[in-house]
Amino acid sequence: MSLISVNDLTFYYEGSSDNIFENVSFQIDTNWKLGFVARNGRGKTTFLKLLMGEYEYRGRIASEECFDYFPFEIRDMERNFLEIVEELYPDYEFWKLCRELTLLHVDADVLYRPFSTLSNGERTKVMLAVLFSRENNFLLIDEPTNHLDQEGRRSVCEYLKGKKGFILVSHDREFLDQCVDHVLVINRTNIEVYKGNFSVWWEQKQRRDAWEQAENEKLKQDIKRLESSARIKEQWADDLEARKIGKKAAEEYRSKGISPKGRRPLIGEKSRKMQRRRKNLEHRQERALEEKEGLLKNLETTEELKLFPQRHYKETLVSLSEVRVYYEQPDGGKKELPMADFRINNGDCVVLKGKNGCGKSSVLKAVLQAAGCQGTEDWGLRWEGSIETASGLRISYVPQDTGHLKGSLTEYADAYGLELSLFLALLRKLDFTREQFEKPIEDFSGGQKKKVLIARSLCEQAHLYIWDEPLNFIDVFSRMQIEELLVKYRPTMLLVEHDKAFTDRLGTKIVELG
């Protein structure tokens, strides 16, 4: 066992006005299976890079560990994977690598294939196998579930359950529950470590948030009462002061046949006591305000999103009958994918499931192409069978890839004909700061780029929403926020998503491919 100690860590990016971390301190036991949770843009990947020594910072990070980072960079995608491993990690041991592949249920033949030919699931597994075969290093695992199908997630989850000593960044609630025994959380104002899995942390957070909200309401009422009492006491003290001295007091005493000099000490004592009571009330009010300021600093609020789906006059929007999508190969052949056969009716949420590479995204693209959506002509897709789409069908599409995003948010909104104020308001609700509006989109984190695509789709009034793995990179809080939106408005959807908690709640039809 060893510790990773972080003391007074402060870090900011060059040119940024805000610190990513400011004087944060905590300790991590390297035997822990540590889940790492935070909103998008809070610095999860940045912290992992700091551990790797890639950035300069203020403060101190002390550890005896050597770190490895997942995913590692692959420069030449066309080389055999084993050649890549030999170049990156010359000290690797082949038998240990084969042992890890066996634990992941992956055939060692993948080592001799070009990396570009591996599926997303295979890429994840072989990278993890390489890094865990280096037994003396502490592994930093950054979002391994992105693009992994549910079977792949189960396989990687079982694998990680047999390991100890890693930091895992993931937004998949069920995956975290199975894999981790501690949770590291970047809150709004600090960093905390919790013992237990995601559900244990989430339950504790909800209890704490509820208690703080109740205390906040109680203190607000106390402050109002104290303010009212202080005003009354102040008025009484002022009245007593006015009666103690001055022309008004002298006239009052003479009218009652009382000597002003005789009454002045008595009234002065009453005035002094009243002033003291007023001061005590003010001090109590100040203490209540200080207590109130200590509450709700780490409350993660998510505003309700809105969607404006349209209902088509036809009941069936899309019908696929014995459709087999294929791509034409340069040699004149064709790469066929499994057959799809289903319908999408008004109000359906059709979820496509299947292994990585079975053609889920291709089916989505085939529907878009059959509907005549702009920009689909050059995809090179062909299919056998029948795809029928309702006349005048309006579709909003969220692609899996974010690599095409660039430029400013204003330029992006103009390109899609979006109402800029609505688009930015949706991004604000998805936890964007106003400072981020000034940055180019290519500088956003992976989760923030996905939120740009989702906000654009929410701005579009459509009969059918086609979303391809929309939750990749998106934080847990925003996932729940989007989930609540879709449950409330129930738009007609064709969806590919591997977050089981999300699809179990939303899916009305499950279509298995392959």
Protein backbone atom coordinates (compact mmCIF):
# COMPACT_ATOMS: atom_id res chain seq x y z
CA MET A 1 0.00 0.00 0.00
CA SER A 2 1.12 3.53 -0.76
CA LEU A 3 -0.52 6.94 -0.83
CA ILE A 4 -0.99 9.63 -3.43
CA SER A 5 -0.96 12.88 -1.42
CA VAL A 6 -2.19 16.14 -2.94
CA ASN A 7 -1.44 19.29 -0.96
CA ASP A 8 -2.52 22.86 -1.82
CA LEU A 9 -2.81 22.02 -5.54
CA THR A 10 -3.52 25.02 -7.76
CA PHE A 11 -3.65 24.82 -11.55
CA TYR A 12 -4.97 26.92 -14.43
CA TYR A 13 -4.51 26.83 -18.18
CA GLU A 14 -2.47 29.54 -19.85
CA GLY A 15 -4.75 32.42 -20.84
CA SER A 16 -7.63 31.23 -18.63
CA SER A 17 -9.11 33.60 -16.05
CA ASP A 18 -10.32 30.77 -13.76
CA ASN A 19 -8.39 28.18 -11.79
CA ILE A 20 -9.22 24.55 -12.52
CA PHE A 21 -8.00 23.65 -9.01
CA GLU A 22 -7.36 26.07 -6.16
CA ASN A 23 -5.57 25.02 -2.96
CA VAL A 24 -7.10 21.52 -2.92
CA SER A 25 -5.74 18.78 -0.65
CA PHE A 26 -6.66 15.09 -0.30
CA GLN A 27 -5.14 11.61 -0.12
CA ILE A 28 -5.71 8.45 -2.18
CA ASP A 29 -4.78 4.90 -1.21
CA THR A 30 -3.32 3.09 -4.23
CA ASN A 31 -5.10 -0.13 -3.23
CA TRP A 32 -8.46 1.52 -3.84
CA LYS A 33 -10.56 1.00 -6.91
CA LEU A 34 -11.34 4.69 -7.17
CA GLY A 35 -14.20 6.05 -9.26
CA PHE A 36 -13.66 9.66 -10.39
CA VAL A 37 -16.84 11.75 -10.78
CA ALA A 38 -17.43 15.39 -11.76
CA ARG A 39 -19.33 17.63 -14.12
CA ASN A 40 -17.91 18.10 -17.61
CA GLY A 41 -15.10 20.65 -17.67
CA ARG A 42 -14.32 20.37 -13.93
CA GLY A 43 -10.86 18.90 -14.52
CA LYS A 44 -11.02 15.08 -14.31
CA THR A 45 -8.73 14.45 -17.27
CA THR A 46 -6.62 17.47 -16.28
CA PHE A 47 -5.95 15.93 -12.86
CA LEU A 48 -4.91 12.64 -14.45
CA LYS A 49 -2.52 14.55 -16.71
CA LEU A 50 -1.13 16.34 -13.64
CA LEU A 51 -0.40 12.96 -12.06
CA MET A 52 1.38 12.00 -15.29
CA GLY A 53 3.56 15.11 -14.93
CA GLU A 54 2.37 16.68 -18.18
CA TYR A 55 1.56 20.14 -16.74
CA GLU A 56 3.22 22.50 -14.32
CA TYR A 57 1.27 23.38 -11.17
CA ARG A 58 1.55 25.01 -7.76
CA GLY A 59 1.42 22.91 -4.62
CA ARG A 60 2.62 19.36 -4.17
CA ILE A 61 1.66 15.91 -5.48
CA ALA A 62 3.61 13.18 -3.68
CA SER A 63 3.58 9.55 -4.74
CA GLU A 64 5.93 6.61 -5.11
CA GLU A 65 3.89 5.23 -8.02
CA CYS A 66 4.67 5.16 -11.73
CA PHE A 67 1.53 6.00 -13.70
CA ASP A 68 0.10 4.69 -16.98
CA TYR A 69 -2.74 6.42 -18.81
CA PHE A 70 -5.62 4.86 -20.74
CA PRO A 71 -6.14 5.39 -23.62
CA PHE A 72 -2.57 5.75 -24.84
CA GLU A 73 -1.88 7.48 -28.14
CA ILE A 74 -1.71 5.42 -31.36
CA ARG A 75 0.08 7.35 -34.09
CA ASP A 76 0.02 4.83 -36.95
CA MET A 77 -3.37 3.13 -37.05
CA GLU A 78 -2.35 0.87 -39.94
CA ARG A 79 0.41 -0.96 -38.06
CA ASN A 80 -0.18 -4.28 -36.33
CA PHE A 81 -1.04 -3.72 -32.69
CA LEU A 82 1.85 -5.88 -31.43
CA GLU A 83 4.33 -3.69 -33.33
CA ILE A 84 2.80 -0.62 -31.66
CA VAL A 85 3.14 -2.23 -28.22
CA GLU A 86 6.76 -3.20 -28.85
CA GLU A 87 7.60 0.38 -29.78
CA LEU A 88 5.70 2.05 -26.93
CA TYR A 89 6.57 -0.43 -24.16
CA PRO A 90 9.78 -2.31 -25.04
CA ASP A 91 9.87 -3.91 -21.59
CA TYR A 92 6.46 -5.62 -21.94
CA GLU A 93 6.22 -9.40 -21.36
CA PHE A 94 4.32 -11.27 -24.04
CA TRP A 95 3.00 -14.02 -21.78
CA LYS A 96 1.56 -11.47 -19.35
CA LEU A 97 -0.14 -9.64 -22.21
CA CYS A 98 -1.68 -12.92 -23.42
CA ARG A 99 -2.83 -13.68 -19.86
CA GLU A 100 -4.66 -10.33 -19.63
CA LEU A 101 -6.27 -10.84 -23.06
CA THR A 102 -7.55 -14.22 -21.90
CA LEU A 103 -9.10 -12.61 -18.81
CA LEU A 104 -10.84 -10.16 -21.15
CA HIS A 105 -12.05 -13.00 -23.43
CA VAL A 106 -10.11 -11.64 -26.39
CA ASP A 107 -8.29 -13.90 -28.87
CA ALA A 108 -4.55 -13.15 -29.08
CA ASP A 109 -4.93 -12.99 -32.89
CA VAL A 110 -5.96 -9.33 -32.51
CA LEU A 111 -2.32 -8.51 -31.73
CA TYR A 112 -1.40 -9.27 -35.33
CA ARG A 113 -4.11 -7.13 -36.93
CA PRO A 114 -3.80 -3.46 -37.96
CA PHE A 115 -5.17 -1.28 -35.16
CA SER A 116 -7.54 0.43 -37.63
CA THR A 117 -9.37 -2.89 -38.19
CA LEU A 118 -10.18 -3.42 -34.51
CA SER A 119 -13.64 -2.56 -33.23
CA ASN A 120 -14.02 0.03 -30.46
CA GLY A 121 -14.52 -2.75 -27.94
CA GLU A 122 -11.42 -4.61 -29.10
CA ARG A 123 -9.35 -1.42 -28.94
CA THR A 124 -10.44 -0.77 -25.36
CA LYS A 125 -9.69 -4.32 -24.27
CA VAL A 126 -6.25 -4.67 -25.87
CA MET A 127 -5.13 -1.30 -24.45
CA LEU A 128 -6.27 -2.29 -20.96
CA ALA A 129 -4.55 -5.67 -21.34
CA VAL A 130 -1.26 -3.99 -22.25
CA LEU A 131 -1.39 -1.54 -19.35
CA PHE A 132 -2.43 -4.07 -16.70
CA SER A 133 0.31 -6.43 -17.88
CA ARG A 134 2.75 -3.74 -16.63
CA GLU A 135 2.13 -4.84 -13.04
CA ASN A 136 4.23 -2.27 -11.20
CA ASN A 137 2.40 0.75 -12.59
CA PHE A 138 -0.73 2.48 -11.26
CA LEU A 139 -3.36 2.80 -13.96
CA LEU A 140 -5.36 5.97 -14.74
CA ILE A 141 -8.37 4.85 -16.79
CA ASP A 142 -10.13 7.71 -18.59
CA GLU A 143 -13.68 6.88 -19.77
CA PRO A 144 -13.21 3.32 -21.08
CA THR A 145 -16.94 2.79 -21.67
CA ASN A 146 -17.29 5.32 -24.48
CA HIS A 147 -18.36 3.43 -27.63
CA LEU A 148 -18.43 0.12 -25.73
CA ASP A 149 -21.57 -1.98 -26.24
CA GLN A 150 -23.32 -3.47 -23.21
CA GLU A 151 -21.65 -6.86 -23.59
CA GLY A 152 -18.26 -5.13 -23.82
CA ARG A 153 -19.06 -3.10 -20.70
CA ARG A 154 -19.97 -6.24 -18.78
CA SER A 155 -16.73 -7.91 -19.90
CA VAL A 156 -14.53 -4.93 -18.94
CA CYS A 157 -16.46 -4.55 -15.68
CA GLU A 158 -15.79 -8.18 -14.67
CA TYR A 159 -12.15 -7.69 -15.60
CA LEU A 160 -11.75 -4.56 -13.45
CA LYS A 161 -13.48 -6.25 -10.52
CA GLY A 162 -10.53 -8.64 -10.41
CA LYS A 163 -7.99 -5.80 -10.26
CA LYS A 164 -6.96 -3.46 -7.49
CA GLY A 165 -5.36 -0.06 -7.52
CA PHE A 166 -6.64 2.24 -10.25
CA ILE A 167 -8.48 5.51 -10.87
CA LEU A 168 -11.49 5.13 -13.15
CA VAL A 169 -13.22 8.05 -14.84
CA SER A 170 -16.68 6.99 -16.02
CA HIS A 171 -20.21 8.41 -16.18
CA ASP A 172 -21.95 5.03 -16.44
CA ARG A 173 -23.74 4.60 -13.12
CA GLU A 174 -24.13 0.82 -13.28
CA PHE A 175 -20.52 0.35 -14.43
CA LEU A 176 -19.19 2.43 -11.52
CA ASP A 177 -21.36 0.55 -9.04
CA GLN A 178 -19.80 -2.74 -10.08
CA CYS A 179 -16.16 -1.63 -10.41
CA VAL A 180 -15.23 0.77 -7.59
CA ASP A 181 -15.01 0.78 -3.79
CA HIS A 182 -14.24 4.50 -3.31
CA VAL A 183 -15.36 7.65 -5.12
CA LEU A 184 -13.37 10.84 -5.69
CA VAL A 185 -15.65 13.80 -6.43
CA ILE A 186 -14.77 17.25 -7.77
CA ASN A 187 -17.46 19.46 -6.25
CA ARG A 188 -18.12 23.10 -7.07
CA THR A 189 -15.82 24.35 -4.28
CA ASN A 190 -13.71 21.37 -3.13
CA ILE A 191 -12.66 17.76 -3.71
CA GLU A 192 -13.92 14.95 -1.47
CA VAL A 193 -13.28 11.22 -1.13
CA TYR A 194 -16.07 8.79 -0.18
CA LYS A 195 -15.93 5.13 0.81
CA GLY A 196 -18.30 2.99 -1.26
CA ASN A 197 -19.48 2.78 -4.86
CA PHE A 198 -21.41 5.30 -6.94
CA SER A 199 -24.81 4.53 -5.41
CA VAL A 200 -23.43 4.91 -1.87
CA TRP A 201 -21.96 8.32 -2.77
CA TRP A 202 -25.12 9.40 -4.60
CA GLU A 203 -27.34 8.47 -1.63
CA GLN A 204 -25.06 10.37 0.77
CA LYS A 205 -25.01 13.38 -1.54
CA GLN A 206 -28.80 13.46 -1.83
CA ARG A 207 -29.17 13.24 1.97
CA ARG A 208 -26.62 15.99 2.51
CA ASP A 209 -28.18 18.22 -0.17
CA ALA A 210 -31.65 17.72 1.34
CA TRP A 211 -30.36 18.54 4.85
CA GLU A 212 -28.55 21.66 3.62
CA GLN A 213 -31.62 22.84 1.71
CA ALA A 214 -33.77 22.35 4.83
CA GLU A 215 -31.20 24.19 6.98
CA ASN A 216 -31.02 26.94 4.39
CA GLU A 217 -34.80 27.46 4.51
CA LYS A 218 -34.76 27.41 8.32
CA LEU A 219 -31.97 30.02 8.46
CA LYS A 220 -33.75 32.21 5.91
CA GLN A 221 -36.80 32.27 8.18
CA ASP A 222 -34.61 32.94 11.25
CA ILE A 223 -32.86 35.82 9.47
CA LYS A 224 -36.21 37.37 8.51
CA ARG A 225 -37.44 37.10 12.11
CA LEU A 226 -34.21 38.55 13.49
CA GLU A 227 -34.32 41.43 11.00
CA SER A 228 -37.89 42.23 12.04
CA SER A 229 -37.03 42.07 15.77
CA ALA A 230 -33.93 44.22 15.26
CA ARG A 231 -36.00 46.90 13.49
CA ILE A 232 -38.52 46.95 16.37
CA LYS A 233 -35.78 47.12 19.00
CA GLU A 234 -34.03 49.88 17.08
CA GLN A 235 -37.24 51.93 16.93
CA TRP A 236 -37.82 51.44 20.67
CA ALA A 237 -34.24 52.45 21.45
CA ASP A 238 -34.56 55.58 19.29
CA ASP A 239 -37.83 56.50 20.98
CA LEU A 240 -36.22 56.12 24.43
CA GLU A 241 -33.25 58.24 23.36
CA ALA A 242 -35.65 60.93 22.14
CA ARG A 243 -37.49 60.87 25.49
CA LYS A 244 -34.23 61.06 27.46
CA ILE A 245 -32.97 64.39 26.16
CA GLY A 246 -34.01 67.27 23.99
CA LYS A 247 -36.92 69.70 23.75
CA LYS A 248 -39.50 66.99 23.14
CA ALA A 249 -38.49 65.09 26.31
CA ALA A 250 -38.49 68.30 28.43
CA GLU A 251 -42.01 69.23 27.28
CA GLU A 252 -43.27 65.73 28.04
CA TYR A 253 -41.80 65.80 31.58
CA ARG A 254 -43.17 69.30 32.34
CA SER A 255 -46.67 68.33 31.16
CA LYS A 256 -46.61 65.45 33.67
CA GLY A 257 -45.10 67.54 36.47
CA ILE A 258 -41.87 65.43 36.46
CA SER A 259 -38.37 66.80 36.71
CA PRO A 260 -36.38 65.93 33.53
CA LYS A 261 -33.23 65.48 35.60
CA GLY A 262 -34.92 62.84 37.75
CA ARG A 263 -36.17 60.74 34.83
CA ARG A 264 -33.09 60.93 32.65
CA PRO A 265 -30.99 58.17 34.44
CA LEU A 266 -33.93 55.73 34.42
CA ILE A 267 -34.71 56.23 30.74
CA GLY A 268 -30.99 56.14 29.95
CA GLU A 269 -30.73 52.68 31.54
CA LYS A 270 -33.73 51.44 29.53
CA SER A 271 -32.21 52.86 26.36
CA ARG A 272 -28.87 51.18 27.07
CA LYS A 273 -30.56 47.78 27.58
CA MET A 274 -32.57 48.19 24.40
CA GLN A 275 -29.47 49.09 22.42
CA ARG A 276 -27.71 46.01 23.84
CA ARG A 277 -30.62 43.79 22.78
CA ARG A 278 -30.50 45.28 19.30
CA LYS A 279 -26.75 44.57 19.08
CA ASN A 280 -27.29 40.98 20.26
CA LEU A 281 -29.93 40.49 17.57
CA GLU A 282 -27.55 41.88 14.96
CA HIS A 283 -24.80 39.47 16.09
CA ARG A 284 -27.22 36.54 15.95
CA GLN A 285 -28.25 37.65 12.49
CA GLU A 286 -24.61 37.81 11.36
CA ARG A 287 -23.96 34.28 12.72
CA ALA A 288 -27.03 32.98 10.90
CA LEU A 289 -25.83 34.59 7.67
CA GLU A 290 -22.39 32.99 8.09
CA GLU A 291 -24.01 29.59 8.62
CA LYS A 292 -26.18 30.13 5.55
CA GLU A 293 -23.16 31.04 3.43
CA GLY A 294 -21.57 27.71 4.37
CA LEU A 295 -24.53 25.79 2.90
CA LEU A 296 -25.36 24.79 -0.68
CA LYS A 297 -21.89 25.60 -2.02
CA ASN A 298 -21.63 22.12 -3.56
CA LEU A 299 -25.28 21.72 -4.53
CA GLU A 300 -25.39 20.58 -8.17
CA THR A 301 -28.55 22.11 -9.57
CA THR A 302 -29.91 21.05 -12.95
CA GLU A 303 -32.55 23.22 -14.53
CA GLU A 304 -35.43 21.62 -16.37
CA LEU A 305 -34.87 21.34 -20.11
CA LYS A 306 -37.62 21.77 -22.69
CA LEU A 307 -38.28 20.02 -25.98
CA PHE A 308 -40.78 20.80 -28.71
CA PRO A 309 -41.42 17.54 -30.58
CA GLN A 310 -43.97 17.52 -33.39
CA ARG A 311 -46.49 14.77 -34.01
CA HIS A 312 -46.75 13.50 -37.57
CA TYR A 313 -50.18 12.93 -39.03
CA LYS A 314 -49.21 9.34 -39.96
CA GLU A 315 -48.98 6.76 -37.19
CA THR A 316 -45.97 4.93 -38.68
CA LEU A 317 -43.01 7.24 -39.34
CA VAL A 318 -40.42 4.70 -40.48
CA SER A 319 -40.71 1.07 -41.55
CA LEU A 320 -37.75 -1.23 -42.23
CA SER A 321 -38.48 -4.60 -43.83
CA GLU A 322 -35.65 -7.15 -44.10
CA VAL A 323 -33.10 -4.37 -44.50
CA ARG A 324 -29.47 -5.38 -44.84
CA VAL A 325 -27.10 -2.40 -45.00
CA TYR A 326 -23.76 -2.77 -46.77
CA TYR A 327 -20.76 -0.74 -47.85
CA GLU A 328 -19.21 -1.06 -51.27
CA GLN A 329 -15.56 -2.10 -51.09
CA PRO A 330 -12.79 -0.75 -53.39
CA ASP A 331 -12.41 -4.22 -54.95
CA GLY A 332 -16.06 -4.22 -56.02
CA GLY A 333 -17.22 -6.46 -53.19
CA LYS A 334 -19.47 -5.44 -50.33
CA LYS A 335 -19.33 -5.60 -46.56
CA GLU A 336 -22.75 -6.73 -45.36
CA LEU A 337 -24.19 -6.02 -41.92
CA PRO A 338 -26.91 -7.90 -39.98
CA MET A 339 -30.53 -7.57 -41.07
CA ALA A 340 -32.89 -5.03 -39.47
CA ASP A 341 -36.67 -5.34 -39.38
CA PHE A 342 -38.76 -2.93 -37.27
CA ARG A 343 -41.18 0.02 -37.29
CA ILE A 344 -41.13 3.39 -35.57
CA ASN A 345 -44.57 4.70 -34.60
CA ASN A 346 -45.48 8.03 -33.01
CA GLY A 347 -44.36 8.05 -29.38
CA ASP A 348 -41.94 5.11 -29.72
CA CYS A 349 -38.41 5.14 -28.37
CA VAL A 350 -36.74 2.40 -30.38
CA VAL A 351 -33.38 1.36 -28.94
CA LEU A 352 -30.96 -0.53 -31.20
CA LYS A 353 -28.74 -2.99 -29.37
CA GLY A 354 -25.93 -5.27 -30.47
CA LYS A 355 -22.20 -5.79 -30.43
CA ASN A 356 -19.77 -3.12 -31.58
CA GLY A 357 -19.50 -3.28 -35.36
CA CYS A 358 -22.88 -4.95 -35.93
CA GLY A 359 -24.20 -1.95 -37.88
CA LYS A 360 -26.32 0.03 -35.41
CA SER A 361 -24.98 3.41 -36.57
CA SER A 362 -25.23 2.26 -40.19
CA VAL A 363 -28.94 1.54 -39.74
CA LEU A 364 -29.45 5.04 -38.33
CA LYS A 365 -27.63 6.53 -41.32
CA ALA A 366 -29.65 4.40 -43.74
CA VAL A 367 -32.89 5.79 -42.27
CA LEU A 368 -31.53 9.35 -42.60
CA GLN A 369 -30.48 8.70 -46.19
CA ALA A 370 -33.85 7.11 -47.06
CA ALA A 371 -35.61 10.18 -45.63
CA GLY A 372 -33.52 12.41 -47.92
CA CYS A 373 -31.79 14.30 -45.11
CA GLN A 374 -29.25 16.84 -46.29
CA GLY A 375 -25.59 15.78 -46.29
CA THR A 376 -26.24 12.01 -46.40
CA GLU A 377 -25.65 11.54 -50.12
CA ASP A 378 -21.90 10.89 -49.83
CA TRP A 379 -22.00 8.32 -47.04
CA GLY A 380 -21.59 5.44 -49.50
CA LEU A 381 -24.34 3.43 -47.85
CA ARG A 382 -26.38 0.87 -49.77
CA TRP A 383 -29.05 -1.52 -48.58
CA GLU A 384 -31.21 -4.38 -49.65
CA GLY A 385 -34.80 -4.61 -48.52
CA SER A 386 -37.25 -1.77 -47.94
CA ILE A 387 -37.03 1.44 -45.93
CA GLU A 388 -40.20 3.53 -46.03
CA THR A 389 -40.43 6.95 -44.41
CA ALA A 390 -43.51 9.13 -43.92
CA SER A 391 -43.92 12.03 -46.31
CA GLY A 392 -42.62 15.36 -44.96
CA LEU A 393 -40.84 13.65 -42.06
CA ARG A 394 -38.65 16.09 -40.10
CA ILE A 395 -35.66 14.48 -38.38
CA SER A 396 -33.18 15.84 -35.83
CA TYR A 397 -29.90 13.89 -35.78
CA VAL A 398 -27.19 13.72 -33.11
CA PRO A 399 -24.17 11.89 -34.57
CA GLN A 400 -21.70 9.86 -32.57
CA ASP A 401 -18.67 11.79 -33.78
CA THR A 402 -17.85 15.33 -32.62
CA GLY A 403 -14.72 15.78 -34.75
CA HIS A 404 -16.48 18.11 -37.19
CA LEU A 405 -17.24 20.72 -34.52
CA LYS A 406 -15.21 23.91 -34.82
CA GLY A 407 -15.54 27.68 -34.72
CA SER A 408 -17.65 29.72 -32.32
CA LEU A 409 -21.04 28.82 -30.88
CA THR A 410 -22.53 31.79 -32.76
CA GLU A 411 -21.17 30.49 -36.06
CA TYR A 412 -22.47 27.01 -35.29
CA ALA A 413 -25.94 28.35 -34.48
CA ASP A 414 -25.98 30.38 -37.71
CA ALA A 415 -24.96 27.34 -39.76
CA TYR A 416 -27.95 25.37 -38.47
CA GLY A 417 -30.43 28.25 -38.43
CA LEU A 418 -30.85 28.11 -34.66
CA GLU A 419 -32.24 30.89 -32.48
CA LEU A 420 -29.02 31.91 -30.73
CA SER A 421 -30.60 32.98 -27.42
CA LEU A 422 -32.46 29.65 -27.08
CA PHE A 423 -29.36 27.66 -28.04
CA LEU A 424 -27.17 29.44 -25.48
CA ALA A 425 -29.88 29.20 -22.80
CA LEU A 426 -29.98 25.42 -23.27
CA LEU A 427 -26.20 25.23 -22.97
CA ARG A 428 -26.37 27.28 -19.75
CA LYS A 429 -28.85 24.74 -18.37
CA LEU A 430 -26.40 22.00 -19.37
CA ASP A 431 -23.78 23.60 -17.06
CA PHE A 432 -21.94 25.86 -19.53
CA THR A 433 -20.52 29.04 -18.05
CA ARG A 434 -20.77 32.35 -19.89
CA GLU A 435 -16.96 32.35 -20.22
CA GLN A 436 -17.18 29.16 -22.29
CA PHE A 437 -19.38 30.93 -24.83
CA GLU A 438 -16.32 32.93 -25.88
CA LYS A 439 -14.13 29.86 -26.52
CA PRO A 440 -13.86 28.01 -29.85
CA ILE A 441 -15.75 24.71 -29.82
CA GLU A 442 -12.60 22.73 -30.61
CA ASP A 443 -11.26 23.73 -27.15
CA PHE A 444 -14.27 22.18 -25.36
CA SER A 445 -14.04 18.88 -23.50
CA GLY A 446 -15.54 15.76 -25.08
CA GLY A 447 -18.65 16.04 -22.90
CA GLN A 448 -19.11 19.72 -23.70
CA LYS A 449 -18.94 18.98 -27.45
CA LYS A 450 -21.65 16.34 -27.03
CA LYS A 451 -23.77 18.89 -25.18
CA VAL A 452 -23.45 21.26 -28.14
CA LEU A 453 -24.92 18.56 -30.41
CA ILE A 454 -27.74 17.78 -27.96
CA ALA A 455 -28.60 21.48 -27.40
CA ARG A 456 -28.81 21.94 -31.16
CA SER A 457 -31.16 18.96 -31.43
CA LEU A 458 -33.34 20.29 -28.60
CA CYS A 459 -33.70 23.55 -30.52
CA GLU A 460 -35.05 21.70 -33.56
CA GLN A 461 -38.75 20.90 -33.83
CA ALA A 462 -38.87 17.43 -35.34
CA HIS A 463 -41.16 14.44 -35.75
CA LEU A 464 -38.30 11.98 -35.12
CA TYR A 465 -35.11 12.37 -33.06
CA ILE A 466 -32.29 10.06 -34.11
CA TRP A 467 -29.49 10.05 -31.53
CA ASP A 468 -26.35 7.94 -31.94
CA GLU A 469 -24.64 7.31 -28.56
CA PRO A 470 -25.57 10.78 -27.26
CA LEU A 471 -24.25 10.21 -23.73
CA ASN A 472 -20.61 9.49 -24.57
CA PHE A 473 -18.41 11.72 -22.35
CA ILE A 474 -21.46 13.41 -20.72
CA ASP A 475 -21.41 13.71 -16.92
CA VAL A 476 -23.81 11.87 -14.61
CA PHE A 477 -25.80 14.97 -13.61
CA SER A 478 -26.47 15.95 -17.23
CA ARG A 479 -27.35 12.35 -18.11
CA MET A 480 -30.06 12.37 -15.46
CA GLN A 481 -31.21 15.81 -16.63
CA ILE A 482 -31.56 14.62 -20.24
CA GLU A 483 -33.23 11.43 -19.06
CA GLU A 484 -35.89 13.42 -17.16
CA LEU A 485 -36.49 15.59 -20.23
CA LEU A 486 -37.12 12.60 -22.49
CA VAL A 487 -39.34 10.88 -19.91
CA LYS A 488 -41.47 14.04 -19.61
CA TYR A 489 -41.90 14.88 -23.30
CA ARG A 490 -41.67 11.37 -24.79
CA PRO A 491 -40.51 12.39 -28.28
CA THR A 492 -40.46 9.76 -31.01
CA MET A 493 -36.86 8.47 -31.06
CA LEU A 494 -34.52 6.05 -32.74
CA LEU A 495 -31.66 5.64 -30.29
CA VAL A 496 -28.31 3.89 -29.96
CA GLU A 497 -27.03 4.10 -26.38
CA HIS A 498 -25.19 1.67 -24.10
CA ASP A 499 -26.01 3.26 -20.72
CA LYS A 500 -28.30 0.55 -19.36
CA ALA A 501 -29.93 2.72 -16.68
CA PHE A 502 -30.82 5.25 -19.39
CA THR A 503 -32.21 2.81 -21.98
CA ASP A 504 -34.09 0.71 -19.41
CA ARG A 505 -36.09 3.77 -18.43
CA LEU A 506 -36.69 5.21 -21.89
CA GLY A 507 -36.86 2.34 -24.36
CA THR A 508 -40.33 1.27 -25.52
CA LYS A 509 -38.97 -1.12 -28.18
CA ILE A 510 -35.65 -2.95 -28.10
CA VAL A 511 -34.28 -4.14 -31.44
CA GLU A 512 -31.36 -6.58 -31.32
CA LEU A 513 -28.99 -6.56 -34.31
CA GLY A 514 -26.55 -9.32 -35.10
